[in-house]
Protein backbone atom coordinates (compact mmCIF):
# COMPACT_ATOMS: atom_id res chain seq x y z
CA MET A 1 53.51 19.48 -121.79
CA SER A 2 50.80 20.11 -119.24
CA TYR A 3 48.67 17.51 -117.53
CA GLU A 4 44.90 17.16 -117.73
CA VAL A 5 43.26 17.60 -114.32
CA ILE A 6 40.26 15.38 -113.56
CA ILE A 7 38.17 15.99 -110.45
CA SER A 8 36.27 12.95 -109.16
CA LYS A 9 32.58 13.25 -108.27
CA ARG A 10 33.48 12.75 -104.62
CA ALA A 11 36.07 15.54 -104.68
CA ALA A 12 33.68 17.90 -106.52
CA LYS A 13 31.06 17.32 -103.84
CA GLU A 14 33.64 17.92 -101.10
CA ILE A 15 34.77 21.17 -102.76
CA LYS A 16 31.18 22.44 -102.88
CA SER A 17 30.82 21.87 -99.14
CA LEU A 18 33.92 23.91 -98.25
CA PRO A 19 33.69 27.44 -96.80
CA HIS A 20 33.16 29.87 -99.69
CA GLN A 21 36.38 31.83 -99.08
CA GLU A 22 38.45 28.61 -99.42
CA ILE A 23 37.06 27.45 -102.77
CA PRO A 24 39.00 29.92 -105.02
CA LYS A 25 42.25 29.10 -103.16
CA ILE A 26 41.70 25.36 -103.64
CA PHE A 27 40.88 25.80 -107.36
CA GLN A 28 44.04 27.89 -107.84
CA LYS A 29 46.14 25.10 -106.29
CA ILE A 30 44.39 22.46 -108.43
CA LYS A 31 44.94 24.54 -111.59
CA GLN A 32 48.66 24.76 -110.82
CA LEU A 33 48.86 20.95 -110.72
CA ALA A 34 48.28 20.90 -114.50
CA GLU A 35 51.66 22.59 -115.02
CA ASP A 36 53.54 20.98 -112.12
CA PRO A 37 51.93 17.84 -110.65
CA ARG A 38 54.67 17.58 -108.02
CA PRO A 39 55.07 21.16 -106.71
CA SER A 40 57.36 21.95 -103.80
CA GLY A 41 55.55 21.07 -100.61
CA CYS A 42 53.65 18.16 -102.13
CA LYS A 43 54.01 14.94 -100.22
CA LYS A 44 53.72 11.33 -101.34
CA LEU A 45 51.37 9.48 -99.00
CA SER A 46 52.51 6.18 -97.56
CA GLY A 47 50.29 3.24 -96.71
CA ALA A 48 48.00 3.48 -99.74
CA GLN A 49 47.75 0.69 -102.31
CA GLU A 50 48.47 3.22 -105.04
CA ASP A 51 50.71 6.27 -105.28
CA LEU A 52 48.78 9.21 -103.84
CA TYR A 53 50.05 12.72 -103.25
CA ARG A 54 48.78 15.64 -101.22
CA ILE A 55 49.11 19.39 -101.37
CA ARG A 56 48.19 21.87 -98.66
CA SER A 57 46.00 24.93 -98.86
CA GLY A 58 45.80 26.40 -95.38
CA ASP A 59 43.97 23.86 -93.19
CA TYR A 60 42.71 21.98 -96.24
CA ARG A 61 44.31 19.15 -98.19
CA VAL A 62 43.95 17.94 -101.78
CA ILE A 63 44.65 14.22 -102.30
CA TYR A 64 45.43 13.16 -105.88
CA SER A 65 47.13 10.60 -108.08
CA ILE A 66 49.39 11.21 -111.08
CA GLU A 67 49.42 9.17 -114.30
CA ASP A 68 52.65 10.29 -115.97
CA VAL A 69 52.28 8.07 -119.04
CA ILE A 70 48.93 9.58 -120.11
CA LYS A 71 49.52 12.99 -118.46
CA ILE A 72 46.55 12.99 -116.04
CA VAL A 73 46.24 14.35 -112.50
CA ASP A 74 43.22 12.74 -110.80
CA ILE A 75 41.88 14.70 -107.81
CA ARG A 76 40.48 12.13 -105.37
CA GLN A 77 39.63 13.98 -102.14
CA VAL A 78 39.50 17.52 -100.79
CA GLY A 79 38.87 18.29 -97.15
CA HIS A 80 39.96 19.67 -93.80
CA ARG A 81 43.20 18.24 -92.47
CA ARG A 82 41.49 16.75 -89.39
CA ASP A 83 39.12 14.67 -91.55
CA ILE A 84 40.96 13.90 -94.80
CA TYR A 85 43.17 11.02 -93.69
CA LYS A 86 40.45 8.93 -92.02
């Protein structure tokens, strides 16, 4: 009963621009979302027109949406915490 994880073009580009030591950590977190799209520590973001969630990986954040009906986790943004919410 796992979810399919889709990474948007924007998020893929942002992942490529991260420091090299952070990329495997981020991918591990993203892979875990397939089994548990709402892990402990995930937070629902307020103020967005749609339901967005975020998970932390050190100083970096992964912003994503969850489609429970069709079992999809859509990764929207990945970036440093100082830049991601702008």
